[in-house]
PDB file of all heavy atoms in Angstrom:
ATOM      1  N   ALA A   1      50.904   1.515  53.148  1.00  0.00           N
ATOM      2  CA  ALA A   1      49.861   1.242  54.139  1.00  0.00           C
ATOM      3  C   ALA A   1      50.431   1.317  55.550  1.00  0.00           C
ATOM      4  O   ALA A   1      49.780   1.844  56.473  1.00  0.00           O
ATOM      5  CB  ALA A   1      49.250  -0.130  53.882  1.00  0.00           C
ATOM      6  N   LEU A   2      51.637   0.818  55.739  1.00  0.00           N
ATOM      7  CA  LEU A   2      52.284   0.891  57.054  1.00  0.00           C
ATOM      8  C   LEU A   2      52.577   2.336  57.446  1.00  0.00           C
ATOM      9  O   LEU A   2      52.281   2.763  58.575  1.00  0.00           O
ATOM     10  CB  LEU A   2      53.576   0.084  57.047  1.00  0.00           C
ATOM     11  CG  LEU A   2      53.412  -1.436  57.057  1.00  0.00           C
ATOM     12  CD1 LEU A   2      54.717  -2.125  56.684  1.00  0.00           C
ATOM     13  CD2 LEU A   2      52.930  -1.913  58.427  1.00  0.00           C
ATOM     14  N   LEU A   3      53.148   3.104  56.519  1.00  0.00           N
ATOM     15  CA  LEU A   3      53.476   4.497  56.831  1.00  0.00           C
ATOM     16  C   LEU A   3      52.226   5.303  57.147  1.00  0.00           C
ATOM     17  O   LEU A   3      52.224   6.144  58.057  1.00  0.00           O
ATOM     18  CB  LEU A   3      54.243   5.131  55.669  1.00  0.00           C
ATOM     19  CG  LEU A   3      55.615   4.519  55.351  1.00  0.00           C
ATOM     20  CD1 LEU A   3      56.267   5.252  54.184  1.00  0.00           C
ATOM     21  CD2 LEU A   3      56.523   4.534  56.563  1.00  0.00           C
ATOM     22  N   TYR A   4      51.147   5.053  56.391  1.00  0.00           N
ATOM     23  CA  TYR A   4      49.886   5.749  56.685  1.00  0.00           C
ATOM     24  C   TYR A   4      49.369   5.346  58.067  1.00  0.00           C
ATOM     25  O   TYR A   4      48.892   6.192  58.833  1.00  0.00           O
ATOM     26  CB  TYR A   4      48.839   5.445  55.617  1.00  0.00           C
ATOM     27  CG  TYR A   4      47.540   6.185  55.877  1.00  0.00           C
ATOM     28  CD1 TYR A   4      47.361   7.480  55.418  1.00  0.00           C
ATOM     29  CD2 TYR A   4      46.519   5.590  56.616  1.00  0.00           C
ATOM     30  CE1 TYR A   4      46.193   8.179  55.687  1.00  0.00           C
ATOM     31  CE2 TYR A   4      45.342   6.280  56.890  1.00  0.00           C
ATOM     32  CZ  TYR A   4      45.188   7.576  56.427  1.00  0.00           C
ATOM     33  OH  TYR A   4      44.032   8.264  56.710  1.00  0.00           O
ATOM     34  N   SER A   5      49.482   4.078  58.401  1.00  0.00           N
ATOM     35  CA  SER A   5      49.003   3.586  59.697  1.00  0.00           C
ATOM     36  C   SER A   5      49.794   4.194  60.851  1.00  0.00           C
ATOM     37  O   SER A   5      49.225   4.484  61.908  1.00  0.00           O
ATOM     38  CB  SER A   5      49.103   2.063  59.750  1.00  0.00           C
ATOM     39  OG  SER A   5      48.285   1.454  58.767  1.00  0.00           O
ATOM     40  N   PHE A   6      51.105   4.388  60.661  1.00  0.00           N
ATOM     41  CA  PHE A   6      51.901   5.038  61.706  1.00  0.00           C
ATOM     42  C   PHE A   6      51.406   6.454  61.963  1.00  0.00           C
ATOM     43  O   PHE A   6      51.346   6.906  63.107  1.00  0.00           O
ATOM     44  CB  PHE A   6      53.383   5.109  61.296  1.00  0.00           C
ATOM     45  CG  PHE A   6      54.068   3.782  61.130  1.00  0.00           C
ATOM     46  CD1 PHE A   6      55.160   3.660  60.276  1.00  0.00           C
ATOM     47  CD2 PHE A   6      53.644   2.653  61.817  1.00  0.00           C
ATOM     48  CE1 PHE A   6      55.811   2.448  60.111  1.00  0.00           C
ATOM     49  CE2 PHE A   6      54.283   1.427  61.661  1.00  0.00           C
ATOM     50  CZ  PHE A   6      55.370   1.332  60.808  1.00  0.00           C
ATOM     51  N   LYS A   7      51.056   7.179  60.882  1.00  0.00           N
ATOM     52  CA  LYS A   7      50.663   8.579  61.004  1.00  0.00           C
ATOM     53  C   LYS A   7      49.212   8.745  61.451  1.00  0.00           C
ATOM     54  O   LYS A   7      48.876   9.720  62.121  1.00  0.00           O
ATOM     55  CB  LYS A   7      50.842   9.298  59.656  1.00  0.00           C
ATOM     56  CG  LYS A   7      52.277   9.551  59.260  1.00  0.00           C
ATOM     57  CD  LYS A   7      52.359  10.406  57.997  1.00  0.00           C
ATOM     58  CE  LYS A   7      51.893  11.830  58.236  1.00  0.00           C
ATOM     59  NZ  LYS A   7      52.048  12.685  57.027  1.00  0.00           N
ATOM     60  N   HIS A   8      48.353   7.789  61.063  1.00  0.00           N
ATOM     61  CA  HIS A   8      46.915   7.939  61.324  1.00  0.00           C
ATOM     62  C   HIS A   8      46.334   6.655  61.927  1.00  0.00           C
ATOM     63  O   HIS A   8      45.441   6.035  61.333  1.00  0.00           O
ATOM     64  CB  HIS A   8      46.183   8.279  60.015  1.00  0.00           C
ATOM     65  CG  HIS A   8      46.725   9.483  59.317  1.00  0.00           C
ATOM     66  ND1 HIS A   8      46.412  10.775  59.686  1.00  0.00           N
ATOM     67  CD2 HIS A   8      47.575   9.598  58.253  1.00  0.00           C
ATOM     68  CE1 HIS A   8      47.032  11.635  58.884  1.00  0.00           C
ATOM     69  NE2 HIS A   8      47.743  10.944  58.023  1.00  0.00           N
ATOM     70  N   PRO A   9      46.821   6.272  63.090  1.00  0.00           N
ATOM     71  CA  PRO A   9      46.336   5.011  63.674  1.00  0.00           C
ATOM     72  C   PRO A   9      44.847   5.012  63.971  1.00  0.00           C
ATOM     73  O   PRO A   9      44.201   3.954  63.963  1.00  0.00           O
ATOM     74  CB  PRO A   9      47.154   4.884  64.973  1.00  0.00           C
ATOM     75  CG  PRO A   9      47.593   6.284  65.286  1.00  0.00           C
ATOM     76  CD  PRO A   9      47.802   6.941  63.953  1.00  0.00           C
ATOM     77  N   ASP A  10      44.277   6.203  64.173  1.00  0.00           N
ATOM     78  CA  ASP A  10      42.851   6.292  64.472  1.00  0.00           C
ATOM     79  C   ASP A  10      41.982   6.042  63.251  1.00  0.00           C
ATOM     80  O   ASP A  10      40.768   5.824  63.378  1.00  0.00           O
ATOM     81  CB  ASP A  10      42.518   7.664  65.056  1.00  0.00           C
ATOM     82  CG  ASP A  10      42.935   8.810  64.128  1.00  0.00           C
ATOM     83  OD1 ASP A  10      44.021   8.702  63.515  1.00  0.00           O
ATOM     84  OD2 ASP A  10      42.191   9.802  64.020  1.00  0.00           O
ATOM     85  N   GLN A  11      42.577   6.067  62.052  1.00  0.00           N
ATOM     86  CA  GLN A  11      41.807   5.872  60.827  1.00  0.00           C
ATOM     87  C   GLN A  11      41.839   4.434  60.314  1.00  0.00           C
ATOM     88  O   GLN A  11      41.105   4.094  59.388  1.00  0.00           O
ATOM     89  CB  GLN A  11      42.357   6.784  59.721  1.00  0.00           C
ATOM     90  CG  GLN A  11      42.276   8.271  60.031  1.00  0.00           C
ATOM     91  CD  GLN A  11      40.849   8.761  60.181  1.00  0.00           C
ATOM     92  OE1 GLN A  11      39.959   8.333  59.453  1.00  0.00           O
ATOM     93  NE2 GLN A  11      40.621   9.641  61.143  1.00  0.00           N
ATOM     94  N   VAL A  12      42.693   3.606  60.899  1.00  0.00           N
ATOM     95  CA  VAL A  12      42.915   2.255  60.375  1.00  0.00           C
ATOM     96  C   VAL A  12      42.376   1.217  61.353  1.00  0.00           C
ATOM     97  O   VAL A  12      42.764   1.181  62.520  1.00  0.00           O
ATOM     98  CB  VAL A  12      44.412   2.003  60.115  1.00  0.00           C
ATOM     99  CG1 VAL A  12      44.632   0.588  59.561  1.00  0.00           C
ATOM    100  CG2 VAL A  12      44.970   3.043  59.141  1.00  0.00           C
ATOM    101  N   GLN A  13      41.482   0.373  60.865  1.00  0.00           N
ATOM    102  CA  GLN A  13      40.888  -0.677  61.688  1.00  0.00           C
ATOM    103  C   GLN A  13      41.560  -2.031  61.478  1.00  0.00           C
ATOM    104  O   GLN A  13      41.654  -2.830  62.395  1.00  0.00           O
ATOM    105  CB  GLN A  13      39.394  -0.807  61.353  1.00  0.00           C
ATOM    106  CG  GLN A  13      38.551   0.356  61.805  1.00  0.00           C
ATOM    107  CD  GLN A  13      37.702   0.001  63.020  1.00  0.00           C
ATOM    108  OE1 GLN A  13      37.765  -1.104  63.549  1.00  0.00           O
ATOM    109  NE2 GLN A  13      36.904   0.945  63.472  1.00  0.00           N
ATOM    110  N   ARG A  14      41.982  -2.287  60.251  1.00  0.00           N
ATOM    111  CA  ARG A  14      42.601  -3.571  59.922  1.00  0.00           C
ATOM    112  C   ARG A  14      43.660  -3.337  58.851  1.00  0.00           C
ATOM    113  O   ARG A  14      43.567  -2.385  58.077  1.00  0.00           O
ATOM    114  CB  ARG A  14      41.558  -4.574  59.416  1.00  0.00           C
ATOM    115  CG  ARG A  14      40.465  -4.897  60.408  1.00  0.00           C
ATOM    116  CD  ARG A  14      39.391  -5.821  59.842  1.00  0.00           C
ATOM    117  NE  ARG A  14      38.593  -5.196  58.800  1.00  0.00           N
ATOM    118  CZ  ARG A  14      37.404  -5.655  58.382  1.00  0.00           C
ATOM    119  NH1 ARG A  14      36.886  -6.739  58.931  1.00  0.00           N
ATOM    120  NH2 ARG A  14      36.737  -5.040  57.431  1.00  0.00           N
ATOM    121  N   LEU A  15      44.638  -4.239  58.811  1.00  0.00           N
ATOM    122  CA  LEU A  15      45.754  -4.079  57.890  1.00  0.00           C
ATOM    123  C   LEU A  15      46.060  -5.421  57.231  1.00  0.00           C
ATOM    124  O   LEU A  15      46.117  -6.457  57.908  1.00  0.00           O
ATOM    125  CB  LEU A  15      46.971  -3.581  58.662  1.00  0.00           C
ATOM    126  CG  LEU A  15      48.235  -3.222  57.887  1.00  0.00           C
ATOM    127  CD1 LEU A  15      47.984  -2.085  56.907  1.00  0.00           C
ATOM    128  CD2 LEU A  15      49.345  -2.821  58.871  1.00  0.00           C
ATOM    129  N   VAL A  16      46.235  -5.396  55.907  1.00  0.00           N
ATOM    130  CA  VAL A  16      46.575  -6.609  55.154  1.00  0.00           C
ATOM    131  C   VAL A  16      47.798  -6.292  54.294  1.00  0.00           C
ATOM    132  O   VAL A  16      47.768  -5.361  53.481  1.00  0.00           O
ATOM    133  CB  VAL A  16      45.407  -7.071  54.255  1.00  0.00           C
ATOM    134  CG1 VAL A  16      45.800  -8.339  53.491  1.00  0.00           C
ATOM    135  CG2 VAL A  16      44.146  -7.304  55.080  1.00  0.00           C
ATOM    136  N   LEU A  17      48.861  -7.058  54.486  1.00  0.00           N
ATOM    137  CA  LEU A  17      50.094  -6.880  53.724  1.00  0.00           C
ATOM    138  C   LEU A  17      50.376  -8.134  52.929  1.00  0.00           C
ATOM    139  O   LEU A  17      50.285  -9.247  53.444  1.00  0.00           O
ATOM    140  CB  LEU A  17      51.276  -6.603  54.657  1.00  0.00           C
ATOM    141  CG  LEU A  17      51.126  -5.448  55.657  1.00  0.00           C
ATOM    142  CD1 LEU A  17      52.366  -5.376  56.548  1.00  0.00           C
ATOM    143  CD2 LEU A  17      50.911  -4.128  54.933  1.00  0.00           C
ATOM    144  N   THR A  18      50.735  -7.961  51.659  1.00  0.00           N
ATOM    145  CA  THR A  18      51.101  -9.103  50.827  1.00  0.00           C
ATOM    146  C   THR A  18      52.325  -8.721  50.001  1.00  0.00           C
ATOM    147  O   THR A  18      52.297  -7.763  49.239  1.00  0.00           O
ATOM    148  CB  THR A  18      49.921  -9.560  49.940  1.00  0.00           C
ATOM    149  OG1 THR A  18      50.341 -10.649  49.117  1.00  0.00           O
ATOM    150  CG2 THR A  18      49.351  -8.451  49.089  1.00  0.00           C
ATOM    151  N   GLY A  19      53.426  -9.445  50.237  1.00  0.00           N
ATOM    152  CA  GLY A  19      54.673  -9.123  49.554  1.00  0.00           C
ATOM    153  C   GLY A  19      55.136  -7.701  49.822  1.00  0.00           C
ATOM    154  O   GLY A  19      55.698  -7.049  48.946  1.00  0.00           O
ATOM    155  N   SER A  20      54.928  -7.208  51.051  1.00  0.00           N
ATOM    156  CA  SER A  20      55.203  -5.800  51.350  1.00  0.00           C
ATOM    157  C   SER A  20      56.698  -5.511  51.403  1.00  0.00           C
ATOM    158  O   SER A  20      57.486  -6.291  51.921  1.00  0.00           O
ATOM    159  CB  SER A  20      54.566  -5.424  52.692  1.00  0.00           C
ATOM    160  OG  SER A  20      54.871  -4.090  53.039  1.00  0.00           O
ATOM    161  N   SER A  21      57.069  -4.338  50.888  1.00  0.00           N
ATOM    162  CA  SER A  21      58.410  -3.823  51.144  1.00  0.00           C
ATOM    163  C   SER A  21      58.402  -3.141  52.508  1.00  0.00           C
ATOM    164  O   SER A  21      57.381  -3.067  53.170  1.00  0.00           O
ATOM    165  CB  SER A  21      58.830  -2.849  50.035  1.00  0.00           C
ATOM    166  OG  SER A  21      57.948  -1.754  49.955  1.00  0.00           O
ATOM    167  N   GLY A  22      59.570  -2.671  52.914  1.00  0.00           N
ATOM    168  CA  GLY A  22      59.675  -2.014  54.211  1.00  0.00           C
ATOM    169  C   GLY A  22      60.713  -2.641  55.113  1.00  0.00           C
ATOM    170  O   GLY A  22      61.214  -1.995  56.043  1.00  0.00           O
ATOM    171  N   LEU A  23      61.037  -3.902  54.867  1.00  0.00           N
ATOM    172  CA  LEU A  23      62.101  -4.562  55.620  1.00  0.00           C
ATOM    173  C   LEU A  23      63.260  -4.928  54.692  1.00  0.00           C
ATOM    174  O   LEU A  23      64.397  -4.564  54.920  1.00  0.00           O
ATOM    175  CB  LEU A  23      61.570  -5.819  56.326  1.00  0.00           C
ATOM    176  CG  LEU A  23      60.558  -5.587  57.448  1.00  0.00           C
ATOM    177  CD1 LEU A  23      60.106  -6.912  58.049  1.00  0.00           C
ATOM    178  CD2 LEU A  23      61.150  -4.694  58.549  1.00  0.00           C
ATOM    179  N   PHE A  24      62.944  -5.661  53.635  1.00  0.00           N
ATOM    180  CA  PHE A  24      63.952  -6.048  52.649  1.00  0.00           C
ATOM    181  C   PHE A  24      63.254  -6.380  51.351  1.00  0.00           C
ATOM    182  O   PHE A  24      62.204  -7.023  51.351  1.00  0.00           O
ATOM    183  CB  PHE A  24      64.741  -7.273  53.125  1.00  0.00           C
ATOM    184  CG  PHE A  24      65.615  -7.862  52.047  1.00  0.00           C
ATOM    185  CD1 PHE A  24      66.844  -7.281  51.747  1.00  0.00           C
ATOM    186  CD2 PHE A  24      65.204  -8.960  51.315  1.00  0.00           C
ATOM    187  CE1 PHE A  24      67.642  -7.801  50.745  1.00  0.00           C
ATOM    188  CE2 PHE A  24      66.000  -9.492  50.307  1.00  0.00           C
ATOM    189  CZ  PHE A  24      67.221  -8.903  50.024  1.00  0.00           C
ATOM    190  N   GLU A  25      63.839  -5.945  50.244  1.00  0.00           N
ATOM    191  CA  GLU A  25      63.259  -6.289  48.955  1.00  0.00           C
ATOM    192  C   GLU A  25      64.322  -6.251  47.869  1.00  0.00           C
ATOM    193  O   GLU A  25      65.266  -5.462  47.936  1.00  0.00           O
ATOM    194  CB  GLU A  25      62.093  -5.366  48.585  1.00  0.00           C
ATOM    195  CG  GLU A  25      62.445  -3.916  48.386  1.00  0.00           C
ATOM    196  CD  GLU A  25      62.448  -3.099  49.676  1.00  0.00           C
ATOM    197  OE1 GLU A  25      62.064  -3.653  50.729  1.00  0.00           O
ATOM    198  OE2 GLU A  25      62.841  -1.927  49.637  1.00  0.00           O
ATOM    199  N   ASN A  26      64.171  -7.136  46.890  1.00  0.00           N
ATOM    200  CA  ASN A  26      64.993  -7.131  45.685  1.00  0.00           C
ATOM    201  C   ASN A  26      64.191  -6.432  44.595  1.00  0.00           C
ATOM    202  O   ASN A  26      63.420  -7.067  43.894  1.00  0.00           O
ATOM    203  CB  ASN A  26      65.315  -8.554  45.225  1.00  0.00           C
ATOM    204  CG  ASN A  26      66.257  -9.258  46.176  1.00  0.00           C
ATOM    205  OD1 ASN A  26      67.254  -8.688  46.604  1.00  0.00           O
ATOM    206  ND2 ASN A  26      65.940 -10.490  46.526  1.00  0.00           N
ATOM    207  N   GLY A  27      64.322  -5.134  44.464  1.00  0.00           N
ATOM    208  CA  GLY A  27      63.543  -4.401  43.476  1.00  0.00           C
ATOM    209  C   GLY A  27      63.873  -4.833  42.056  1.00  0.00           C
ATOM    210  O   GLY A  27      65.029  -4.876  41.674  1.00  0.00           O
ATOM    211  N   MET A  28      62.846  -5.159  41.275  1.00  0.00           N
ATOM    212  CA  MET A  28      63.002  -5.576  39.877  1.00  0.00           C
ATOM    213  C   MET A  28      64.058  -6.669  39.746  1.00  0.00           C
ATOM    214  O   MET A  28      64.811  -6.734  38.778  1.00  0.00           O
ATOM    215  CB  MET A  28      63.380  -4.390  38.996  1.00  0.00           C
ATOM    216  CG  MET A  28      62.226  -3.463  38.678  1.00  0.00           C
ATOM    217  SD  MET A  28      60.915  -4.213  37.696  1.00  0.00           S
ATOM    218  CE  MET A  28      61.667  -4.265  36.093  1.00  0.00           C
ATOM    219  N   GLY A  29      64.133  -7.547  40.774  1.00  0.00           N
ATOM    220  CA  GLY A  29      65.099  -8.624  40.693  1.00  0.00           C
ATOM    221  C   GLY A  29      66.509  -8.154  40.958  1.00  0.00           C
ATOM    222  O   GLY A  29      67.477  -8.762  40.512  1.00  0.00           O
ATOM    223  N   GLY A  30      66.681  -7.058  41.714  1.00  0.00           N
ATOM    224  CA  GLY A  30      68.001  -6.626  42.105  1.00  0.00           C
ATOM    225  C   GLY A  30      68.574  -5.507  41.252  1.00  0.00           C
ATOM    226  O   GLY A  30      69.718  -5.126  41.401  1.00  0.00           O
ATOM    227  N   SER A  31      67.790  -4.948  40.329  1.00  0.00           N
ATOM    228  CA  SER A  31      68.315  -3.881  39.492  1.00  0.00           C
ATOM    229  C   SER A  31      67.212  -2.904  39.143  1.00  0.00           C
ATOM    230  O   SER A  31      66.033  -3.229  39.229  1.00  0.00           O
ATOM    231  CB  SER A  31      68.916  -4.449  38.203  1.00  0.00           C
ATOM    232  OG  SER A  31      67.926  -5.104  37.453  1.00  0.00           O
ATOM    233  N   PHE A  32      67.598  -1.699  38.754  1.00  0.00           N
ATOM    234  CA  PHE A  32      66.627  -0.713  38.337  1.00  0.00           C
ATOM    235  C   PHE A  32      66.230  -0.972  36.886  1.00  0.00           C
ATOM    236  O   PHE A  32      66.953  -1.621  36.142  1.00  0.00           O
ATOM    237  CB  PHE A  32      67.194   0.695  38.496  1.00  0.00           C
ATOM    238  CG  PHE A  32      67.350   1.100  39.927  1.00  0.00           C
ATOM    239  CD1 PHE A  32      68.588   1.422  40.434  1.00  0.00           C
ATOM    240  CD2 PHE A  32      66.252   1.116  40.765  1.00  0.00           C
ATOM    241  CE1 PHE A  32      68.731   1.788  41.763  1.00  0.00           C
ATOM    242  CE2 PHE A  32      66.387   1.486  42.102  1.00  0.00           C
ATOM    243  CZ  PHE A  32      67.626   1.814  42.601  1.00  0.00           C
ATOM    244  N   PRO A  33      65.073  -0.480  36.454  1.00  0.00           N
ATOM    245  CA  PRO A  33      64.586  -0.776  35.106  1.00  0.00           C
ATOM    246  C   PRO A  33      65.540  -0.288  34.022  1.00  0.00           C
ATOM    247  O   PRO A  33      66.066   0.815  34.090  1.00  0.00           O
ATOM    248  CB  PRO A  33      63.245  -0.030  35.042  1.00  0.00           C
ATOM    249  CG  PRO A  33      63.289   0.961  36.145  1.00  0.00           C
ATOM    250  CD  PRO A  33      64.136   0.360  37.210  1.00  0.00           C
ATOM    251  N   LYS A  34      65.759  -1.129  33.036  1.00  0.00           N
ATOM    252  CA  LYS A  34      66.644  -0.809  31.920  1.00  0.00           C
ATOM    253  C   LYS A  34      65.788  -0.378  30.731  1.00  0.00           C
ATOM    254  O   LYS A  34      64.942  -1.123  30.258  1.00  0.00           O
ATOM    255  CB  LYS A  34      67.476  -2.035  31.563  1.00  0.00           C
ATOM    256  CG  LYS A  34      68.520  -1.796  30.488  1.00  0.00           C
ATOM    257  CD  LYS A  34      69.272  -3.081  30.170  1.00  0.00           C
ATOM    258  CE  LYS A  34      70.052  -3.569  31.371  1.00  0.00           C
ATOM    259  NZ  LYS A  34      70.830  -4.791  31.050  1.00  0.00           N
ATOM    260  N   ARG A  35      66.016   0.841  30.267  1.00  0.00           N
ATOM    261  CA  ARG A  35      65.204   1.369  29.182  1.00  0.00           C
ATOM    262  C   ARG A  35      65.586   0.734  27.848  1.00  0.00           C
ATOM    263  O   ARG A  35      66.737   0.423  27.592  1.00  0.00           O
ATOM    264  CB  ARG A  35      65.364   2.892  29.078  1.00  0.00           C
ATOM    265  CG  ARG A  35      64.714   3.658  30.204  1.00  0.00           C
ATOM    266  CD  ARG A  35      64.582   5.133  29.868  1.00  0.00           C
ATOM    267  NE  ARG A  35      65.836   5.710  29.399  1.00  0.00           N
ATOM    268  CZ  ARG A  35      66.030   6.163  28.168  1.00  0.00           C
ATOM    269  NH1 ARG A  35      65.068   6.087  27.264  1.00  0.00           N
ATOM    270  NH2 ARG A  35      67.187   6.687  27.823  1.00  0.00           N
TER     271      ARG A  35
END
């Protein structure tokens, strides 16, 4: 949603982020999925 808003600010009126990545995140608890 952030990347789209950067590219198309004229299309976005409001923005809601919940638990968003983009600054820091522990993906899957710090590891990639184990098959």
